[in-house]
PDB file of N, CA and C in Angstrom:
ATOM      1  N   MET A   1      79.029  37.415  86.958  1.00  0.00           N
ATOM      2  CA  MET A   1      77.649  38.279  87.685  1.00  0.00           C
ATOM      3  C   MET A   1      76.946  36.888  88.041  1.00  0.00           C
ATOM      4  N   LYS A   2      75.981  37.304  89.351  1.00  0.00           N
ATOM      5  CA  LYS A   2      75.200  36.170  89.773  1.00  0.00           C
ATOM      6  C   LYS A   2      73.647  36.058  90.101  1.00  0.00           C
ATOM      7  N   GLN A   3      72.639  35.175  90.382  1.00  0.00           N
ATOM      8  CA  GLN A   3      71.475  35.608  90.240  1.00  0.00           C
ATOM      9  C   GLN A   3      71.291  35.641  91.747  1.00  0.00           C
ATOM     10  N   LEU A   4      69.839  36.514  91.710  1.00  0.00           N
ATOM     11  CA  LEU A   4      69.571  36.263  93.228  1.00  0.00           C
ATOM     12  C   LEU A   4      67.788  35.816  92.625  1.00  0.00           C
ATOM     13  N   GLU A   5      67.189  34.756  93.469  1.00  0.00           N
ATOM     14  CA  GLU A   5      65.989  34.415  93.628  1.00  0.00           C
ATOM     15  C   GLU A   5      65.150  35.850  94.359  1.00  0.00           C
ATOM     16  N   VAL A   6      63.952  36.794  93.787  1.00  0.00           N
ATOM     17  CA  VAL A   6      63.285  37.654  94.291  1.00  0.00           C
ATOM     18  C   VAL A   6      62.347  37.454  94.091  1.00  0.00           C
ATOM     19  N   GLN A   7      61.064  38.050  95.018  1.00  0.00           N
ATOM     20  CA  GLN A   7      59.306  37.745  94.821  1.00  0.00           C
ATOM     21  C   GLN A   7      58.943  38.386  95.189  1.00  0.00           C
ATOM     22  N   ILE A   8      57.917  39.259  93.851  1.00  0.00           N
ATOM     23  CA  ILE A   8      57.341  40.671  93.722  1.00  0.00           C
ATOM     24  C   ILE A   8      55.784  40.226  93.137  1.00  0.00           C
ATOM     25  N   MET A   9      54.994  41.035  94.306  1.00  0.00           N
ATOM     26  CA  MET A   9      53.706  40.563  94.069  1.00  0.00           C
ATOM     27  C   MET A   9      53.188  39.356  94.514  1.00  0.00           C
ATOM     28  N   GLY A  10      54.376  38.222  95.083  1.00  0.00           N
ATOM     29  CA  GLY A  10      54.320  36.817  95.278  1.00  0.00           C
ATOM     30  C   GLY A  10      55.070  35.791  94.378  1.00  0.00           C
ATOM     31  N   GLN A  11      55.467  36.652  92.928  1.00  0.00           N
ATOM     32  CA  GLN A  11      55.568  35.687  92.564  1.00  0.00           C
ATOM     33  C   GLN A  11      57.287  35.678  92.175  1.00  0.00           C
ATOM     34  N   SER A  12      57.861  34.724  92.400  1.00  0.00           N
ATOM     35  CA  SER A  12      59.125  34.341  92.280  1.00  0.00           C
ATOM     36  C   SER A  12      59.940  34.608  90.982  1.00  0.00           C
ATOM     37  N   TYR A  13      61.139  35.612  90.760  1.00  0.00           N
ATOM     38  CA  TYR A  13      61.585  36.067  89.033  1.00  0.00           C
ATOM     39  C   TYR A  13      63.141  35.540  89.809  1.00  0.00           C
ATOM     40  N   LEU A  14      64.082  34.938  89.322  1.00  0.00           N
ATOM     41  CA  LEU A  14      65.707  34.798  89.004  1.00  0.00           C
ATOM     42  C   LEU A  14      65.994  35.959  88.161  1.00  0.00           C
ATOM     43  N   LEU A  15      66.720  36.635  89.051  1.00  0.00           N
ATOM     44  CA  LEU A  15      67.425  37.798  88.186  1.00  0.00           C
ATOM     45  C   LEU A  15      68.833  37.918  88.301  1.00  0.00           C
ATOM     46  N   GLY A  16      69.696  38.364  87.099  1.00  0.00           N
ATOM     47  CA  GLY A  16      71.122  37.891  87.585  1.00  0.00           C
ATOM     48  C   GLY A  16      71.417  39.404  87.988  1.00  0.00           C
ATOM     49  N   CYS A  17      72.487  39.496  89.068  1.00  0.00           N
ATOM     50  CA  CYS A  17      72.870  40.546  89.939  1.00  0.00           C
ATOM     51  C   CYS A  17      74.150  40.986  89.771  1.00  0.00           C
ATOM     52  N   PRO A  18      74.709  42.582  89.564  1.00  0.00           N
ATOM     53  CA  PRO A  18      76.605  42.517  89.683  1.00  0.00           C
ATOM     54  C   PRO A  18      76.861  41.913  90.775  1.00  0.00           C
ATOM     55  N   ASP A  19      78.097  41.279  90.742  1.00  0.00           N
ATOM     56  CA  ASP A  19      78.449  40.595  92.759  1.00  0.00           C
ATOM     57  C   ASP A  19      77.943  41.815  92.907  1.00  0.00           C
ATOM     58  N   ASP A  20      78.581  43.223  93.323  1.00  0.00           N
ATOM     59  CA  ASP A  20      78.246  43.841  94.401  1.00  0.00           C
ATOM     60  C   ASP A  20      77.313  44.873  94.179  1.00  0.00           C
ATOM     61  N   GLY A  21      76.336  44.115  93.638  1.00  0.00           N
ATOM     62  CA  GLY A  21      74.383  45.403  93.680  1.00  0.00           C
ATOM     63  C   GLY A  21      73.840  44.120  94.112  1.00  0.00           C
ATOM     64  N   ASP A  22      74.242  43.612  94.781  1.00  0.00           N
ATOM     65  CA  ASP A  22      72.450  42.955  95.579  1.00  0.00           C
ATOM     66  C   ASP A  22      72.110  43.562  96.383  1.00  0.00           C
ATOM     67  N   ALA A  23      73.039  44.379  96.909  1.00  0.00           N
ATOM     68  CA  ALA A  23      71.629  45.492  98.165  1.00  0.00           C
ATOM     69  C   ALA A  23      71.168  46.183  97.238  1.00  0.00           C
ATOM     70  N   ARG A  24      71.377  47.579  96.155  1.00  0.00           N
ATOM     71  CA  ARG A  24      70.654  47.977  95.073  1.00  0.00           C
ATOM     72  C   ARG A  24      69.750  47.521  94.777  1.00  0.00           C
ATOM     73  N   LEU A  25      70.540  46.387  94.045  1.00  0.00           N
ATOM     74  CA  LEU A  25      69.373  45.209  93.350  1.00  0.00           C
ATOM     75  C   LEU A  25      67.983  45.276  94.496  1.00  0.00           C
ATOM     76  N   LEU A  26      67.745  44.919  95.703  1.00  0.00           N
ATOM     77  CA  LEU A  26      66.640  44.019  97.099  1.00  0.00           C
ATOM     78  C   LEU A  26      66.039  45.687  96.642  1.00  0.00           C
ATOM     79  N   LYS A  27      66.652  46.377  96.652  1.00  0.00           N
ATOM     80  CA  LYS A  27      66.159  47.908  97.298  1.00  0.00           C
ATOM     81  C   LYS A  27      65.340  48.242  96.122  1.00  0.00           C
ATOM     82  N   ALA A  28      66.051  48.138  95.078  1.00  0.00           N
ATOM     83  CA  ALA A  28      65.010  48.545  94.038  1.00  0.00           C
ATOM     84  C   ALA A  28      63.742  47.208  93.253  1.00  0.00           C
ATOM     85  N   VAL A  29      63.957  45.614  94.089  1.00  0.00           N
ATOM     86  CA  VAL A  29      63.051  45.115  93.579  1.00  0.00           C
ATOM     87  C   VAL A  29      61.946  44.775  94.893  1.00  0.00           C
ATOM     88  N   ASP A  30      62.272  45.877  96.482  1.00  0.00           N
ATOM     89  CA  ASP A  30      60.833  46.090  97.332  1.00  0.00           C
ATOM     90  C   ASP A  30      60.174  47.543  96.714  1.00  0.00           C
ATOM     91  N   LYS A  31      60.849  48.405  95.871  1.00  0.00           N
ATOM     92  CA  LYS A  31      60.462  49.671  95.666  1.00  0.00           C
ATOM     93  C   LYS A  31      59.090  49.301  94.679  1.00  0.00           C
ATOM     94  N   VAL A  32      59.611  48.349  93.867  1.00  0.00           N
ATOM     95  CA  VAL A  32      59.006  47.959  93.051  1.00  0.00           C
ATOM     96  C   VAL A  32      57.626  47.135  92.978  1.00  0.00           C
ATOM     97  N   ASP A  33      58.057  46.022  94.061  1.00  0.00           N
ATOM     98  CA  ASP A  33      56.889  45.299  94.926  1.00  0.00           C
ATOM     99  C   ASP A  33      55.702  46.028  95.640  1.00  0.00           C
ATOM    100  N   ILE A  34      56.333  46.801  96.625  1.00  0.00           N
ATOM    101  CA  ILE A  34      55.275  48.206  96.900  1.00  0.00           C
ATOM    102  C   ILE A  34      54.962  48.839  96.342  1.00  0.00           C
ATOM    103  N   ALA A  35      55.264  49.388  94.796  1.00  0.00           N
ATOM    104  CA  ALA A  35      54.201  49.913  93.961  1.00  0.00           C
ATOM    105  C   ALA A  35      53.474  49.484  93.708  1.00  0.00           C
ATOM    106  N   MET A  36      53.434  47.830  93.268  1.00  0.00           N
ATOM    107  CA  MET A  36      52.709  46.862  92.766  1.00  0.00           C
ATOM    108  C   MET A  36      51.731  46.772  93.852  1.00  0.00           C
ATOM    109  N   CYS A  37      52.188  46.410  94.987  1.00  0.00           N
ATOM    110  CA  CYS A  37      51.413  46.047  96.105  1.00  0.00           C
ATOM    111  C   CYS A  37      50.418  47.445  96.471  1.00  0.00           C
ATOM    112  N   LYS A  38      50.682  48.329  96.303  1.00  0.00           N
ATOM    113  CA  LYS A  38      49.682  49.654  96.374  1.00  0.00           C
ATOM    114  C   LYS A  38      48.792  49.600  95.105  1.00  0.00           C
ATOM    115  N   ILE A  39      48.768  49.564  94.277  1.00  0.00           N
ATOM    116  CA  ILE A  39      48.590  49.452  93.451  1.00  0.00           C
ATOM    117  C   ILE A  39      47.008  48.181  93.296  1.00  0.00           C
ATOM    118  N   ARG A  40      47.432  47.046  93.166  1.00  0.00           N
ATOM    119  CA  ARG A  40      46.908  45.866  93.490  1.00  0.00           C
ATOM    120  C   ARG A  40      45.869  46.079  94.682  1.00  0.00           C
ATOM    121  N   ASP A  41      46.195  46.992  95.811  1.00  0.00           N
ATOM    122  CA  ASP A  41      45.562  46.778  96.759  1.00  0.00           C
ATOM    123  C   ASP A  41      44.358  47.826  97.337  1.00  0.00           C
ATOM    124  N   ALA A  42      44.606  49.020  95.859  1.00  0.00           N
ATOM    125  CA  ALA A  42      43.524  49.634  95.907  1.00  0.00           C
ATOM    126  C   ALA A  42      42.258  48.953  94.842  1.00  0.00           C
ATOM    127  N   GLY A  43      42.874  47.988  94.574  1.00  0.00           N
ATOM    128  CA  GLY A  43      41.244  47.158  93.985  1.00  0.00           C
ATOM    129  C   GLY A  43      41.117  47.678  92.521  1.00  0.00           C
ATOM    130  N   LYS A  44      40.966  48.481  92.097  1.00  0.00           N
ATOM    131  CA  LYS A  44      41.013  48.903  90.805  1.00  0.00           C
ATOM    132  C   LYS A  44      41.264  48.178  90.131  1.00  0.00           C
ATOM    133  N   ILE A  45      42.073  47.797  89.743  1.00  0.00           N
ATOM    134  CA  ILE A  45      42.746  46.801  88.957  1.00  0.00           C
ATOM    135  C   ILE A  45      42.996  45.936  89.344  1.00  0.00           C
ATOM    136  N   LYS A  46      43.162  44.508  88.586  1.00  0.00           N
ATOM    137  CA  LYS A  46      43.363  43.540  89.008  1.00  0.00           C
ATOM    138  C   LYS A  46      44.656  42.693  88.144  1.00  0.00           C
ATOM    139  N   ALA A  47      44.417  43.104  87.279  1.00  0.00           N
ATOM    140  CA  ALA A  47      45.651  42.222  85.650  1.00  0.00           C
ATOM    141  C   ALA A  47      46.566  42.891  85.944  1.00  0.00           C
ATOM    142  N   ARG A  48      47.800  41.373  86.272  1.00  0.00           N
ATOM    143  CA  ARG A  48      49.402  42.171  86.616  1.00  0.00           C
ATOM    144  C   ARG A  48      49.845  42.748  85.432  1.00  0.00           C
ATOM    145  N   ASP A  49      49.781  42.593  84.412  1.00  0.00           N
ATOM    146  CA  ASP A  49      50.864  43.823  83.389  1.00  0.00           C
ATOM    147  C   ASP A  49      50.485  44.892  83.593  1.00  0.00           C
ATOM    148  N   ARG A  50      48.615  45.196  83.797  1.00  0.00           N
ATOM    149  CA  ARG A  50      48.494  46.612  84.273  1.00  0.00           C
ATOM    150  C   ARG A  50      49.109  47.379  85.353  1.00  0.00           C
ATOM    151  N   ILE A  51      49.239  46.321  86.494  1.00  0.00           N
ATOM    152  CA  ILE A  51      49.541  46.647  87.708  1.00  0.00           C
ATOM    153  C   ILE A  51      51.282  47.386  87.622  1.00  0.00           C
ATOM    154  N   ALA A  52      51.781  45.997  86.180  1.00  0.00           N
ATOM    155  CA  ALA A  52      53.577  46.836  86.716  1.00  0.00           C
ATOM    156  C   ALA A  52      52.938  47.822  85.462  1.00  0.00           C
ATOM    157  N   VAL A  53      52.382  48.513  84.605  1.00  0.00           N
ATOM    158  CA  VAL A  53      52.971  49.213  84.017  1.00  0.00           C
ATOM    159  C   VAL A  53      52.588  50.312  84.419  1.00  0.00           C
ATOM    160  N   LEU A  54      51.014  50.652  85.701  1.00  0.00           N
ATOM    161  CA  LEU A  54      51.447  51.578  85.944  1.00  0.00           C
ATOM    162  C   LEU A  54      52.272  51.940  87.216  1.00  0.00           C
ATOM    163  N   ALA A  55      52.812  50.771  87.943  1.00  0.00           N
ATOM    164  CA  ALA A  55      53.848  51.423  88.841  1.00  0.00           C
ATOM    165  C   ALA A  55      55.141  51.695  88.487  1.00  0.00           C
ATOM    166  N   ALA A  56      55.514  50.971  87.080  1.00  0.00           N
ATOM    167  CA  ALA A  56      56.957  51.495  85.991  1.00  0.00           C
ATOM    168  C   ALA A  56      56.326  53.263  86.085  1.00  0.00           C
ATOM    169  N   LEU A  57      55.244  53.060  85.504  1.00  0.00           N
ATOM    170  CA  LEU A  57      55.303  55.027  85.051  1.00  0.00           C
ATOM    171  C   LEU A  57      55.358  56.106  86.368  1.00  0.00           C
ATOM    172  N   ASN A  58      54.473  54.911  87.274  1.00  0.00           N
ATOM    173  CA  ASN A  58      54.541  55.843  88.784  1.00  0.00           C
ATOM    174  C   ASN A  58      55.978  56.090  89.222  1.00  0.00           C
ATOM    175  N   LEU A  59      56.781  54.649  89.054  1.00  0.00           N
ATOM    176  CA  LEU A  59      58.153  55.603  89.803  1.00  0.00           C
ATOM    177  C   LEU A  59      59.294  56.266  88.821  1.00  0.00           C
ATOM    178  N   ALA A  60      59.087  55.976  87.161  1.00  0.00           N
ATOM    179  CA  ALA A  60      59.751  56.649  86.457  1.00  0.00           C
ATOM    180  C   ALA A  60      59.158  58.283  86.451  1.00  0.00           C
ATOM    181  N   PHE A  61      57.537  58.568  87.027  1.00  0.00           N
ATOM    182  CA  PHE A  61      57.474  60.489  87.336  1.00  0.00           C
ATOM    183  C   PHE A  61      58.685  60.277  88.561  1.00  0.00           C
ATOM    184  N   GLU A  62      58.461  59.931  89.482  1.00  0.00           N
ATOM    185  CA  GLU A  62      58.998  59.956  90.693  1.00  0.00           C
ATOM    186  C   GLU A  62      60.487  60.180  90.650  1.00  0.00           C
ATOM    187  N   LEU A  63      60.818  59.381  90.149  1.00  0.00           N
ATOM    188  CA  LEU A  63      62.445  60.085  89.233  1.00  0.00           C
ATOM    189  C   LEU A  63      62.653  61.086  88.267  1.00  0.00           C
ATOM    190  N   SER A  64      61.572  61.656  87.606  1.00  0.00           N
ATOM    191  CA  SER A  64      61.981  62.729  86.782  1.00  0.00           C
ATOM    192  C   SER A  64      61.836  64.316  87.845  1.00  0.00           C
ATOM    193  N   ASP A  65      61.022  63.976  89.200  1.00  0.00           N
ATOM    194  CA  ASP A  65      60.759  64.443  89.914  1.00  0.00           C
ATOM    195  C   ASP A  65      62.031  65.067  90.537  1.00  0.00           C
ATOM    196  N   ARG A  66      62.777  64.003  90.690  1.00  0.00           N
ATOM    197  CA  ARG A  66      64.638  64.823  91.219  1.00  0.00           C
ATOM    198  C   ARG A  66      65.205  65.476  90.365  1.00  0.00           C
ATOM    199  N   PRO A  67      66.243  66.117  91.611  1.00  0.00           N
ATOM    200  CA  PRO A  67      67.216  67.373  90.511  1.00  0.00           C
ATOM    201  C   PRO A  67      67.820  66.521  89.767  1.00  0.00           C
ATOM    202  N   ALA A  68      68.652  66.649  88.655  1.00  0.00           N
ATOM    203  CA  ALA A  68      69.171  66.037  87.950  1.00  0.00           C
ATOM    204  C   ALA A  68      70.691  66.364  89.144  1.00  0.00           C
ATOM    205  N   PRO A  69      71.558  65.302  88.855  1.00  0.00           N
ATOM    206  CA  PRO A  69      72.581  64.432  89.456  1.00  0.00           C
ATOM    207  C   PRO A  69      73.723  65.676  88.544  1.00  0.00           C
ATOM    208  N   VAL A  70      74.784  65.805  89.596  1.00  0.00           N
ATOM    209  CA  VAL A  70      75.836  66.077  89.447  1.00  0.00           C
ATOM    210  C   VAL A  70      76.963  65.828  89.023  1.00  0.00           C
ATOM    211  N   LEU A  71      76.815  65.858  87.533  1.00  0.00           N
ATOM    212  CA  LEU A  71      78.344  65.572  86.695  1.00  0.00           C
ATOM    213  C   LEU A  71      79.581  64.960  87.421  1.00  0.00           C
ATOM    214  N   ARG A  72      79.806  63.511  87.395  1.00  0.00           N
ATOM    215  CA  ARG A  72      81.549  63.247  88.030  1.00  0.00           C
ATOM    216  C   ARG A  72      81.869  62.634  87.274  1.00  0.00           C
ATOM    217  N   PRO A  73      83.395  62.010  87.225  1.00  0.00           N
ATOM    218  CA  PRO A  73      83.932  61.681  86.471  1.00  0.00           C
ATOM    219  C   PRO A  73      83.268  60.568  86.819  1.00  0.00           C
ATOM    220  N   THR A  74      83.656  59.907  85.484  1.00  0.00           N
ATOM    221  CA  THR A  74      83.118  57.951  85.905  1.00  0.00           C
ATOM    222  C   THR A  74      84.120  57.422  86.905  1.00  0.00           C
ATOM    223  N   GLY A  75      83.350  56.211  88.175  1.00  0.00           N
ATOM    224  CA  GLY A  75      83.689  56.182  88.926  1.00  0.00           C
ATOM    225  C   GLY A  75      83.817  56.746  89.792  1.00  0.00           C
ATOM    226  N   ALA A  76      83.516  57.830  90.121  1.00  0.00           N
ATOM    227  CA  ALA A  76      83.212  58.976  91.080  1.00  0.00           C
ATOM    228  C   ALA A  76      82.984  58.106  92.175  1.00  0.00           C
ATOM    229  N   ALA A  77      82.992  57.969  93.564  1.00  0.00           N
ATOM    230  CA  ALA A  77      82.045  57.410  94.542  1.00  0.00           C
ATOM    231  C   ALA A  77      80.632  58.477  94.767  1.00  0.00           C
ATOM    232  N   ASN A  78      79.799  57.369  95.035  1.00  0.00           N
ATOM    233  CA  ASN A  78      77.801  57.104  94.634  1.00  0.00           C
ATOM    234  C   ASN A  78      77.589  57.701  93.609  1.00  0.00           C
ATOM    235  N   ASP A  79      78.435  57.231  92.499  1.00  0.00           N
ATOM    236  CA  ASP A  79      77.604  57.399  90.663  1.00  0.00           C
ATOM    237  C   ASP A  79      75.986  57.534  90.849  1.00  0.00           C
ATOM    238  N   SER A  80      75.338  58.095  90.336  1.00  0.00           N
ATOM    239  CA  SER A  80      74.019  57.903  90.493  1.00  0.00           C
ATOM    240  C   SER A  80      73.777  57.012  89.453  1.00  0.00           C
ATOM    241  N   PRO A  81      72.744  56.833  88.990  1.00  0.00           N
ATOM    242  CA  PRO A  81      72.881  56.217  87.841  1.00  0.00           C
ATOM    243  C   PRO A  81      72.010  57.082  86.552  1.00  0.00           C
ATOM    244  N   ASP A  82      72.646  56.457  85.188  1.00  0.00           N
ATOM    245  CA  ASP A  82      72.936  57.559  84.178  1.00  0.00           C
ATOM    246  C   ASP A  82      71.849  56.323  83.117  1.00  0.00           C
ATOM    247  N   ASP A  83      72.140  56.996  81.981  1.00  0.00           N
ATOM    248  CA  ASP A  83      70.920  56.447  81.056  1.00  0.00           C
ATOM    249  C   ASP A  83      71.446  55.035  80.773  1.00  0.00           C
ATOM    250  N   ALA A  84      72.783  54.557  80.834  1.00  0.00           N
ATOM    251  CA  ALA A  84      73.516  53.674  80.485  1.00  0.00           C
ATOM    252  C   ALA A  84      73.536  52.524  80.914  1.00  0.00           C
ATOM    253  N   GLN A  85      73.208  52.603  82.589  1.00  0.00           N
ATOM    254  CA  GLN A  85      72.775  51.727  83.692  1.00  0.00           C
ATOM    255  C   GLN A  85      71.122  51.706  84.180  1.00  0.00           C
ATOM    256  N   ILE A  86      70.934  52.661  83.482  1.00  0.00           N
ATOM    257  CA  ILE A  86      69.207  52.109  83.229  1.00  0.00           C
ATOM    258  C   ILE A  86      69.340  51.885  82.563  1.00  0.00           C
ATOM    259  N   GLY A  87      69.381  51.627  81.073  1.00  0.00           N
ATOM    260  CA  GLY A  87      69.210  50.725  80.136  1.00  0.00           C
ATOM    261  C   GLY A  87      69.786  49.568  80.549  1.00  0.00           C
ATOM    262  N   SER A  88      71.183  49.602  80.703  1.00  0.00           N
ATOM    263  CA  SER A  88      71.662  48.298  81.218  1.00  0.00           C
ATOM    264  C   SER A  88      70.146  47.302  82.488  1.00  0.00           C
ATOM    265  N   LEU A  89      70.149  48.058  83.265  1.00  0.00           N
ATOM    266  CA  LEU A  89      68.888  47.387  83.870  1.00  0.00           C
ATOM    267  C   LEU A  89      67.763  46.895  82.804  1.00  0.00           C
ATOM    268  N   LEU A  90      67.385  47.960  82.354  1.00  0.00           N
ATOM    269  CA  LEU A  90      66.072  47.178  81.231  1.00  0.00           C
ATOM    270  C   LEU A  90      66.352  46.382  80.384  1.00  0.00           C
ATOM    271  N   SER A  91      67.378  45.978  79.948  1.00  0.00           N
ATOM    272  CA  SER A  91      67.771  44.800  79.249  1.00  0.00           C
ATOM    273  C   SER A  91      67.920  43.763  80.331  1.00  0.00           C
ATOM    274  N   ARG A  92      68.650  43.326  81.581  1.00  0.00           N
ATOM    275  CA  ARG A  92      68.594  42.470  82.478  1.00  0.00           C
ATOM    276  C   ARG A  92      67.002  42.422  82.755  1.00  0.00           C
ATOM    277  N   LEU A  93      65.888  43.196  82.743  1.00  0.00           N
ATOM    278  CA  LEU A  93      64.611  43.184  83.548  1.00  0.00           C
ATOM    279  C   LEU A  93      63.594  41.861  82.180  1.00  0.00           C
ATOM    280  N   ASP A  94      64.264  43.055  80.887  1.00  0.00           N
ATOM    281  CA  ASP A  94      63.289  42.057  79.542  1.00  0.00           C
ATOM    282  C   ASP A  94      63.827  40.745  79.536  1.00  0.00           C
ATOM    283  N   ALA A  95      65.473  40.561  79.857  1.00  0.00           N
ATOM    284  CA  ALA A  95      65.773  38.739  80.124  1.00  0.00           C
ATOM    285  C   ALA A  95      65.331  37.988  81.155  1.00  0.00           C
ATOM    286  N   ALA A  96      64.848  38.764  82.029  1.00  0.00           N
ATOM    287  CA  ALA A  96      65.100  37.967  83.303  1.00  0.00           C
ATOM    288  C   ALA A  96      62.490  37.910  83.331  1.00  0.00           C
ATOM    289  N   LEU A  97      62.226  38.966  82.182  1.00  0.00           N
ATOM    290  CA  LEU A  97      60.901  38.707  81.570  1.00  0.00           C
ATOM    291  C   LEU A  97      60.201  37.063  80.934  1.00  0.00           C
ATOM    292  N   GLY A  98      61.739  36.734  79.586  1.00  0.00           N
ATOM    293  CA  GLY A  98      60.944  35.346  78.939  1.00  0.00           C
ATOM    294  C   GLY A  98      60.925  36.122  77.914  1.00  0.00           C
ATOM    295  N   VAL A  99      60.867  35.074  76.896  1.00  0.00           N
ATOM    296  CA  VAL A  99      60.118  35.441  75.674  1.00  0.00           C
ATOM    297  C   VAL A  99      58.746  36.015  75.541  1.00  0.00           C
ATOM    298  N   ASP A 100      57.988  36.024  76.714  1.00  0.00           N
ATOM    299  CA  ASP A 100      56.764  36.527  76.197  1.00  0.00           C
ATOM    300  C   ASP A 100      56.046  38.197  76.762  1.00  0.00           C
ATOM    301  N   GLY A 101      57.399  38.767  77.358  1.00  0.00           N
ATOM    302  CA  GLY A 101      57.586  40.195  77.862  1.00  0.00           C
ATOM    303  C   GLY A 101      56.136  39.928  78.758  1.00  0.00           C
ATOM    304  N   ARG A 102      56.008  39.772  79.529  1.00  0.00           N
ATOM    305  CA  ARG A 102      55.078  39.540  80.968  1.00  0.00           C
ATOM    306  C   ARG A 102      55.691  39.785  82.275  1.00  0.00           C
ATOM    307  N   LEU A 103      55.338  40.428  82.965  1.00  0.00           N
ATOM    308  CA  LEU A 103      55.781  40.696  84.110  1.00  0.00           C
ATOM    309  C   LEU A 103      55.726  39.422  85.110  1.00  0.00           C
ATOM    310  N   LEU A 104      54.073  39.648  85.147  1.00  0.00           N
ATOM    311  CA  LEU A 104      53.688  38.253  86.136  1.00  0.00           C
ATOM    312  C   LEU A 104      52.408  37.318  84.580  1.00  0.00           C
TER     313      LEU A 104
END
């Protein structure tokens, strides 16, 4: 596993990334950054932790609107993220956030 330095809403983060996951992680970072900046730029919410929670909720809501993926054998081409992958990503995000658990 390697580390990538990324920026979300102007704040730098060093994130762990599987050797073949650069593009997917950068795409996820871009989505989170866009979602957070959109909320910030609306001007109604200033606290970064609240912006992060609202962005997470918005992204999760968008994911829930997608049709359920077709189940395929593990390792099949173009596997969609499953609960284990999402849990793994959440664990990595928790580790990146550090002890205080705050995004920014």
